[in-house]
């Protein structure tokens, strides 16, 4: 009997558990800032990153988040116009929530990718890895799903 009661208490605790926000709490003035890398062309990995970004936005609210996704190496395919229509639509949908998508210029030069091959409004920086470092130094939380 004690085991059943203990199980019910544990289940009730998990069902009613709320995430406790750290101070300062997320707000318009203090948004949660995240940076995600995409480094592989694997559709499942790309979709996992896009879903993770979407989940963060849904949880905190789009007005209380700043989300950046940096695509470099083989992950550059995530932000290319002609690679995968479903992924392109997901990228464009996230852009409507002000998610920044950034492509690595070094990768583009190495793979001979022209800016015109990227989805509209994808920003290009010199080096994707440097962008990740600089974002972290500016307070963005690095998320590697």
N, C-alpha and C. Protein backbone atom coordinates (compact mmCIF):
# COMPACT_ATOMS: atom_id res chain seq x y z
N UNK A 1 0.82 -1.20 0.00
CA UNK A 1 0.00 0.00 0.00
C UNK A 1 0.86 1.26 0.00
N UNK A 2 1.95 1.23 0.80
CA UNK A 2 2.84 2.39 0.86
C UNK A 2 3.46 2.66 -0.51
N UNK A 3 3.77 1.58 -1.23
CA UNK A 3 4.38 1.75 -2.55
C UNK A 3 3.42 2.42 -3.53
N UNK A 4 2.15 2.06 -3.45
CA UNK A 4 1.15 2.66 -4.33
C UNK A 4 1.00 4.15 -4.01
N UNK A 5 0.93 4.49 -2.74
CA UNK A 5 0.81 5.88 -2.33
C UNK A 5 2.03 6.67 -2.79
N UNK A 6 3.22 6.10 -2.60
CA UNK A 6 4.46 6.75 -3.01
C UNK A 6 4.48 6.98 -4.52
N UNK A 7 4.05 5.99 -5.28
CA UNK A 7 3.99 6.13 -6.73
C UNK A 7 3.03 7.24 -7.14
N UNK A 8 1.87 7.29 -6.50
CA UNK A 8 0.88 8.33 -6.82
C UNK A 8 1.42 9.72 -6.48
N UNK A 9 2.13 9.84 -5.37
CA UNK A 9 2.72 11.13 -4.99
C UNK A 9 3.76 11.55 -6.02
N UNK A 10 4.61 10.62 -6.43
CA UNK A 10 5.64 10.93 -7.42
C UNK A 10 5.03 11.32 -8.76
N UNK A 11 4.03 10.59 -9.20
CA UNK A 11 3.36 10.91 -10.46
C UNK A 11 2.71 12.28 -10.37
N UNK A 12 2.04 12.57 -9.27
CA UNK A 12 1.40 13.87 -9.07
C UNK A 12 2.42 15.01 -9.06
N UNK A 13 3.58 14.75 -8.47
CA UNK A 13 4.64 15.76 -8.44
C UNK A 13 5.10 16.09 -9.86
N UNK A 14 5.30 15.07 -10.68
CA UNK A 14 5.77 15.31 -12.05
C UNK A 14 4.70 15.97 -12.91
N UNK A 15 3.45 15.61 -12.72
CA UNK A 15 2.38 16.20 -13.51
C UNK A 15 2.16 17.66 -13.17
N UNK A 16 2.41 18.05 -11.94
CA UNK A 16 2.17 19.41 -11.51
C UNK A 16 3.45 20.25 -11.47
N UNK A 17 4.57 19.65 -11.84
CA UNK A 17 5.85 20.35 -11.76
C UNK A 17 5.88 21.53 -12.72
N UNK A 18 6.35 22.64 -12.25
CA UNK A 18 6.52 23.85 -13.05
C UNK A 18 8.01 24.16 -13.10
N UNK A 19 8.43 24.70 -14.21
CA UNK A 19 9.80 25.15 -14.31
C UNK A 19 9.93 26.44 -13.52
N UNK A 20 10.91 26.49 -12.66
CA UNK A 20 11.14 27.70 -11.88
C UNK A 20 12.14 28.56 -12.65
N UNK A 21 11.73 29.79 -12.98
CA UNK A 21 12.59 30.68 -13.74
C UNK A 21 13.70 31.25 -12.87
N UNK A 22 14.88 31.34 -13.46
CA UNK A 22 15.99 32.00 -12.79
C UNK A 22 15.78 33.51 -12.88
N UNK A 23 16.36 34.22 -11.93
CA UNK A 23 16.30 35.68 -11.96
C UNK A 23 17.46 36.22 -12.79
N UNK A 24 17.26 37.25 -13.56
CA UNK A 24 15.98 37.88 -13.80
C UNK A 24 15.11 37.02 -14.72
N UNK A 25 13.85 37.05 -14.50
CA UNK A 25 12.90 36.24 -15.28
C UNK A 25 12.85 36.75 -16.72
N UNK A 26 12.53 35.86 -17.68
CA UNK A 26 12.47 36.31 -19.07
C UNK A 26 11.39 37.37 -19.26
N UNK A 27 11.73 38.39 -20.03
CA UNK A 27 10.79 39.48 -20.30
C UNK A 27 11.20 40.15 -21.60
N UNK A 28 10.44 41.15 -22.00
CA UNK A 28 10.81 41.92 -23.19
C UNK A 28 12.16 42.59 -22.99
N UNK A 29 12.41 43.07 -21.78
CA UNK A 29 13.67 43.75 -21.48
C UNK A 29 14.82 42.78 -21.23
N UNK A 30 14.49 41.56 -20.88
CA UNK A 30 15.51 40.57 -20.55
C UNK A 30 15.17 39.23 -21.22
N UNK A 31 15.25 39.18 -22.54
CA UNK A 31 14.89 37.92 -23.22
C UNK A 31 15.93 36.83 -22.99
N UNK A 32 15.50 35.58 -23.08
CA UNK A 32 16.43 34.46 -23.06
C UNK A 32 17.05 34.41 -24.44
N UNK A 33 18.37 34.27 -24.49
CA UNK A 33 19.11 34.32 -25.75
C UNK A 33 19.81 32.98 -25.98
N UNK A 34 19.53 32.38 -27.14
CA UNK A 34 20.06 31.06 -27.47
C UNK A 34 20.72 31.07 -28.83
N UNK A 35 21.79 30.29 -28.96
CA UNK A 35 22.41 30.09 -30.27
C UNK A 35 22.57 28.58 -30.49
N UNK A 36 22.09 28.13 -31.63
CA UNK A 36 22.14 26.72 -32.02
C UNK A 36 23.04 26.56 -33.25
N UNK A 37 23.89 25.55 -33.29
CA UNK A 37 24.64 25.26 -34.52
C UNK A 37 23.95 24.17 -35.32
N UNK A 38 24.09 24.24 -36.63
CA UNK A 38 23.75 23.11 -37.51
C UNK A 38 25.02 22.82 -38.29
N UNK A 39 25.56 21.63 -38.13
CA UNK A 39 26.85 21.31 -38.75
C UNK A 39 26.79 20.12 -39.70
N UNK A 40 25.65 19.45 -39.76
CA UNK A 40 25.54 18.26 -40.62
C UNK A 40 24.36 18.41 -41.57
N UNK A 41 24.44 17.72 -42.70
CA UNK A 41 23.36 17.79 -43.69
C UNK A 41 22.25 16.78 -43.42
N UNK A 42 22.40 15.99 -42.38
CA UNK A 42 21.40 14.98 -42.02
C UNK A 42 20.06 15.66 -41.71
N UNK A 43 19.01 15.28 -42.46
CA UNK A 43 17.69 15.90 -42.29
C UNK A 43 17.15 15.74 -40.88
N UNK A 44 17.40 14.60 -40.26
CA UNK A 44 16.91 14.39 -38.89
C UNK A 44 17.58 15.35 -37.92
N UNK A 45 18.88 15.56 -38.08
CA UNK A 45 19.58 16.49 -37.19
C UNK A 45 19.11 17.92 -37.41
N UNK A 46 18.97 18.31 -38.67
CA UNK A 46 18.48 19.66 -38.98
C UNK A 46 17.10 19.86 -38.38
N UNK A 47 16.20 18.91 -38.58
CA UNK A 47 14.85 19.01 -38.04
C UNK A 47 14.85 19.03 -36.52
N UNK A 48 15.78 18.31 -35.91
CA UNK A 48 15.88 18.30 -34.44
C UNK A 48 16.25 19.69 -33.93
N UNK A 49 17.21 20.35 -34.58
CA UNK A 49 17.60 21.70 -34.19
C UNK A 49 16.42 22.66 -34.38
N UNK A 50 15.76 22.57 -35.52
CA UNK A 50 14.62 23.46 -35.79
C UNK A 50 13.49 23.23 -34.78
N UNK A 51 13.24 21.98 -34.43
CA UNK A 51 12.21 21.67 -33.43
C UNK A 51 12.61 22.19 -32.05
N UNK A 52 13.88 22.04 -31.71
CA UNK A 52 14.35 22.54 -30.41
C UNK A 52 14.19 24.05 -30.31
N UNK A 53 14.55 24.75 -31.37
CA UNK A 53 14.38 26.21 -31.40
C UNK A 53 12.90 26.56 -31.26
N UNK A 54 12.06 25.85 -31.98
CA UNK A 54 10.61 26.08 -31.91
C UNK A 54 10.09 25.84 -30.49
N UNK A 55 10.56 24.79 -29.84
CA UNK A 55 10.11 24.48 -28.48
C UNK A 55 10.50 25.57 -27.49
N UNK A 56 11.70 26.11 -27.63
CA UNK A 56 12.16 27.18 -26.76
C UNK A 56 11.26 28.41 -26.94
N UNK A 57 10.96 28.73 -28.19
CA UNK A 57 10.12 29.89 -28.49
C UNK A 57 8.72 29.69 -27.93
N UNK A 58 8.17 28.48 -28.09
CA UNK A 58 6.82 28.19 -27.57
C UNK A 58 6.81 28.29 -26.05
N UNK A 59 7.84 27.81 -25.39
CA UNK A 59 7.86 27.80 -23.94
C UNK A 59 7.95 29.22 -23.37
N UNK A 60 8.93 29.98 -23.82
CA UNK A 60 9.14 31.32 -23.27
C UNK A 60 8.26 32.38 -23.91
N UNK A 61 7.88 32.16 -25.17
CA UNK A 61 7.15 33.16 -25.93
C UNK A 61 8.11 33.88 -26.85
N UNK A 62 7.67 34.15 -28.08
CA UNK A 62 8.58 34.76 -29.06
C UNK A 62 9.09 36.14 -28.63
N UNK A 63 8.30 36.86 -27.86
CA UNK A 63 8.72 38.19 -27.43
C UNK A 63 9.75 38.15 -26.30
N UNK A 64 9.95 36.96 -25.73
CA UNK A 64 10.89 36.83 -24.61
C UNK A 64 12.10 35.98 -24.97
N UNK A 65 12.34 35.82 -26.27
CA UNK A 65 13.49 35.04 -26.72
C UNK A 65 14.22 35.74 -27.86
N UNK A 66 15.49 35.47 -27.95
CA UNK A 66 16.30 35.82 -29.12
C UNK A 66 17.00 34.52 -29.51
N UNK A 67 16.65 34.00 -30.68
CA UNK A 67 17.18 32.72 -31.12
C UNK A 67 17.98 32.92 -32.40
N UNK A 68 19.17 32.35 -32.42
CA UNK A 68 20.05 32.41 -33.58
C UNK A 68 20.45 30.99 -33.94
N UNK A 69 20.40 30.68 -35.24
CA UNK A 69 20.85 29.37 -35.72
C UNK A 69 21.96 29.61 -36.73
N UNK A 70 23.13 29.03 -36.45
CA UNK A 70 24.30 29.21 -37.29
C UNK A 70 24.55 27.91 -38.06
N UNK A 71 24.54 28.02 -39.39
CA UNK A 71 24.76 26.85 -40.26
C UNK A 71 26.16 26.93 -40.86
N UNK A 72 26.94 25.89 -40.64
CA UNK A 72 28.27 25.83 -41.24
C UNK A 72 28.62 24.39 -41.53
N UNK A 73 29.73 24.19 -42.23
CA UNK A 73 30.14 22.88 -42.70
C UNK A 73 28.98 22.30 -43.54
N UNK A 74 28.71 21.03 -43.42
CA UNK A 74 27.64 20.42 -44.21
C UNK A 74 26.25 20.92 -43.79
N UNK A 75 26.15 21.53 -42.63
CA UNK A 75 24.88 22.08 -42.15
C UNK A 75 24.39 23.26 -42.96
N UNK A 76 25.25 23.79 -43.82
CA UNK A 76 24.87 24.92 -44.67
C UNK A 76 23.64 24.57 -45.52
N UNK A 77 23.45 23.28 -45.79
CA UNK A 77 22.31 22.84 -46.60
C UNK A 77 20.98 23.24 -45.97
N UNK A 78 20.96 23.42 -44.65
CA UNK A 78 19.71 23.79 -43.96
C UNK A 78 19.19 25.15 -44.40
N UNK A 79 20.07 26.00 -44.91
CA UNK A 79 19.65 27.36 -45.27
C UNK A 79 19.75 27.62 -46.77
N UNK A 80 19.83 26.53 -47.54
CA UNK A 80 19.90 26.66 -49.00
C UNK A 80 18.51 26.50 -49.62
N UNK A 81 18.24 27.31 -50.62
CA UNK A 81 16.94 27.35 -51.30
C UNK A 81 16.51 26.03 -51.91
N UNK A 82 17.39 25.36 -52.56
CA UNK A 82 17.01 24.23 -53.41
C UNK A 82 17.24 22.85 -52.79
N UNK A 83 17.67 22.77 -51.56
CA UNK A 83 18.03 21.47 -50.98
C UNK A 83 16.83 20.66 -50.49
N UNK A 84 15.96 21.26 -49.72
CA UNK A 84 14.85 20.51 -49.13
C UNK A 84 13.70 21.48 -48.85
N UNK A 85 12.61 21.32 -49.59
CA UNK A 85 11.48 22.24 -49.49
C UNK A 85 10.85 22.24 -48.10
N UNK A 86 10.74 21.08 -47.44
CA UNK A 86 10.14 21.02 -46.11
C UNK A 86 10.99 21.78 -45.09
N UNK A 87 12.29 21.59 -45.18
CA UNK A 87 13.18 22.31 -44.26
C UNK A 87 13.13 23.80 -44.55
N UNK A 88 13.12 24.17 -45.82
CA UNK A 88 13.03 25.59 -46.20
C UNK A 88 11.78 26.22 -45.58
N UNK A 89 10.64 25.54 -45.66
CA UNK A 89 9.40 26.07 -45.09
C UNK A 89 9.51 26.24 -43.57
N UNK A 90 10.18 25.29 -42.91
CA UNK A 90 10.35 25.39 -41.46
C UNK A 90 11.26 26.56 -41.10
N UNK A 91 12.32 26.74 -41.88
CA UNK A 91 13.23 27.87 -41.65
C UNK A 91 12.46 29.18 -41.82
N UNK A 92 11.72 29.30 -42.90
CA UNK A 92 10.95 30.52 -43.14
C UNK A 92 9.90 30.76 -42.05
N UNK A 93 9.29 29.69 -41.56
CA UNK A 93 8.30 29.83 -40.48
C UNK A 93 8.97 30.36 -39.21
N UNK A 94 10.15 29.85 -38.88
CA UNK A 94 10.87 30.33 -37.71
C UNK A 94 11.31 31.78 -37.89
N UNK A 95 11.62 32.16 -39.11
CA UNK A 95 12.01 33.55 -39.38
C UNK A 95 10.86 34.51 -39.05
N UNK A 96 9.62 34.05 -39.17
CA UNK A 96 8.49 34.92 -38.83
C UNK A 96 8.46 35.23 -37.34
N UNK A 97 9.16 34.44 -36.54
CA UNK A 97 9.29 34.68 -35.10
C UNK A 97 10.62 35.34 -34.77
N UNK A 98 11.23 35.95 -35.79
CA UNK A 98 12.50 36.68 -35.66
C UNK A 98 13.69 35.80 -35.31
N UNK A 99 13.62 34.52 -35.63
CA UNK A 99 14.80 33.67 -35.48
C UNK A 99 15.79 34.09 -36.56
N UNK A 100 17.03 34.35 -36.14
CA UNK A 100 18.09 34.73 -37.07
C UNK A 100 18.76 33.47 -37.61
N UNK A 101 18.89 33.37 -38.91
CA UNK A 101 19.63 32.28 -39.52
C UNK A 101 20.90 32.86 -40.12
N UNK A 102 22.02 32.24 -39.80
CA UNK A 102 23.32 32.74 -40.22
C UNK A 102 24.07 31.63 -40.95
N UNK A 103 24.64 31.98 -42.09
CA UNK A 103 25.44 31.03 -42.88
C UNK A 103 26.91 31.42 -42.77
N UNK A 104 27.76 30.42 -42.78
CA UNK A 104 29.21 30.61 -42.68
C UNK A 104 29.79 30.94 -44.06
N UNK A 105 30.41 32.11 -44.17
CA UNK A 105 31.04 32.51 -45.42
C UNK A 105 32.19 31.61 -45.83
N UNK A 106 32.96 31.13 -44.85
CA UNK A 106 34.07 30.22 -45.17
C UNK A 106 33.55 28.93 -45.80
N UNK A 107 32.48 28.40 -45.25
CA UNK A 107 31.88 27.19 -45.81
C UNK A 107 31.38 27.47 -47.22
N UNK A 108 30.75 28.60 -47.40
CA UNK A 108 30.21 28.95 -48.72
C UNK A 108 31.33 29.04 -49.75
N UNK A 109 32.46 29.66 -49.38
CA UNK A 109 33.59 29.74 -50.31
C UNK A 109 34.15 28.35 -50.61
N UNK A 110 34.31 27.54 -49.58
CA UNK A 110 34.87 26.20 -49.76
C UNK A 110 33.99 25.35 -50.66
N UNK A 111 32.68 25.42 -50.46
CA UNK A 111 31.74 24.60 -51.23
C UNK A 111 31.21 25.31 -52.48
N UNK A 112 31.75 26.51 -52.75
CA UNK A 112 31.36 27.30 -53.92
C UNK A 112 29.85 27.55 -53.97
N UNK A 113 29.35 28.06 -52.86
CA UNK A 113 27.93 28.39 -52.74
C UNK A 113 27.80 29.90 -52.83
N UNK A 114 26.94 30.36 -53.71
CA UNK A 114 26.68 31.78 -53.88
C UNK A 114 25.55 32.21 -52.93
N UNK A 115 25.59 33.46 -52.48
CA UNK A 115 24.55 33.96 -51.58
C UNK A 115 23.15 33.81 -52.19
N UNK A 116 23.06 33.86 -53.50
CA UNK A 116 21.75 33.72 -54.17
C UNK A 116 21.15 32.32 -53.97
N UNK A 117 21.96 31.37 -53.55
CA UNK A 117 21.48 30.00 -53.31
C UNK A 117 20.89 29.83 -51.92
N UNK A 118 21.01 30.87 -51.09
CA UNK A 118 20.50 30.79 -49.73
C UNK A 118 19.04 31.24 -49.67
N UNK A 119 18.34 30.77 -48.68
CA UNK A 119 16.98 31.23 -48.41
C UNK A 119 17.05 32.73 -48.13
N UNK A 120 16.06 33.46 -48.60
CA UNK A 120 16.04 34.91 -48.38
C UNK A 120 16.16 35.24 -46.90
N UNK A 121 16.87 36.31 -46.62
CA UNK A 121 17.07 36.85 -45.27
C UNK A 121 18.02 36.05 -44.39
N UNK A 122 18.75 35.08 -44.97
CA UNK A 122 19.81 34.41 -44.23
C UNK A 122 21.02 35.33 -44.28
N UNK A 123 21.56 35.63 -43.12
CA UNK A 123 22.73 36.50 -43.02
C UNK A 123 24.00 35.66 -43.25
N UNK A 124 25.01 36.26 -43.84
CA UNK A 124 26.29 35.59 -44.05
C UNK A 124 27.34 36.28 -43.20
N UNK A 125 28.09 35.49 -42.45
CA UNK A 125 29.21 36.00 -41.66
C UNK A 125 30.50 35.36 -42.17
N UNK A 126 31.63 35.91 -41.80
CA UNK A 126 32.90 35.38 -42.27
C UNK A 126 33.11 33.93 -41.83
N UNK A 127 32.91 33.67 -40.53
CA UNK A 127 33.17 32.33 -40.00
C UNK A 127 32.08 31.95 -39.00
N UNK A 128 31.39 30.86 -39.27
CA UNK A 128 30.31 30.41 -38.41
C UNK A 128 30.76 30.10 -37.00
N UNK A 129 31.91 29.46 -36.86
CA UNK A 129 32.39 29.08 -35.52
C UNK A 129 32.72 30.33 -34.70
N UNK A 130 33.25 31.35 -35.35
CA UNK A 130 33.54 32.61 -34.66
C UNK A 130 32.23 33.27 -34.22
N UNK A 131 31.21 33.19 -35.05
CA UNK A 131 29.90 33.75 -34.69
C UNK A 131 29.37 33.07 -33.43
N UNK A 132 29.52 31.74 -33.33
CA UNK A 132 29.09 31.03 -32.13
C UNK A 132 29.84 31.53 -30.90
N UNK A 133 31.14 31.70 -31.03
CA UNK A 133 31.96 32.18 -29.91
C UNK A 133 31.51 33.57 -29.49
N UNK A 134 31.37 34.46 -30.46
CA UNK A 134 31.01 35.84 -30.14
C UNK A 134 29.61 35.94 -29.53
N UNK A 135 28.70 35.14 -30.02
CA UNK A 135 27.35 35.16 -29.44
C UNK A 135 27.39 34.70 -27.99
N UNK A 136 28.17 33.68 -27.70
CA UNK A 136 28.28 33.21 -26.32
C UNK A 136 28.90 34.28 -25.43
N UNK A 137 29.89 34.98 -25.94
CA UNK A 137 30.52 36.04 -25.16
C UNK A 137 29.56 37.20 -24.91
N UNK A 138 28.53 37.34 -25.76
CA UNK A 138 27.51 38.38 -25.58
C UNK A 138 26.33 37.87 -24.77
N UNK A 139 26.45 36.69 -24.19
CA UNK A 139 25.42 36.20 -23.29
C UNK A 139 24.45 35.19 -23.86
N UNK A 140 24.63 34.79 -25.10
CA UNK A 140 23.77 33.76 -25.67
C UNK A 140 24.15 32.40 -25.07
N UNK A 141 23.15 31.58 -24.85
CA UNK A 141 23.38 30.23 -24.33
C UNK A 141 23.53 29.30 -25.52
N UNK A 142 24.63 28.56 -25.54
CA UNK A 142 24.92 27.62 -26.63
C UNK A 142 24.14 26.34 -26.38
N UNK A 143 23.32 25.96 -27.36
CA UNK A 143 22.51 24.75 -27.25
C UNK A 143 22.91 23.80 -28.37
N UNK A 144 23.31 22.61 -27.99
CA UNK A 144 23.66 21.57 -28.96
C UNK A 144 22.71 20.40 -28.74
N UNK A 145 21.53 20.41 -29.43
CA UNK A 145 20.56 19.32 -29.20
C UNK A 145 21.10 17.96 -29.63
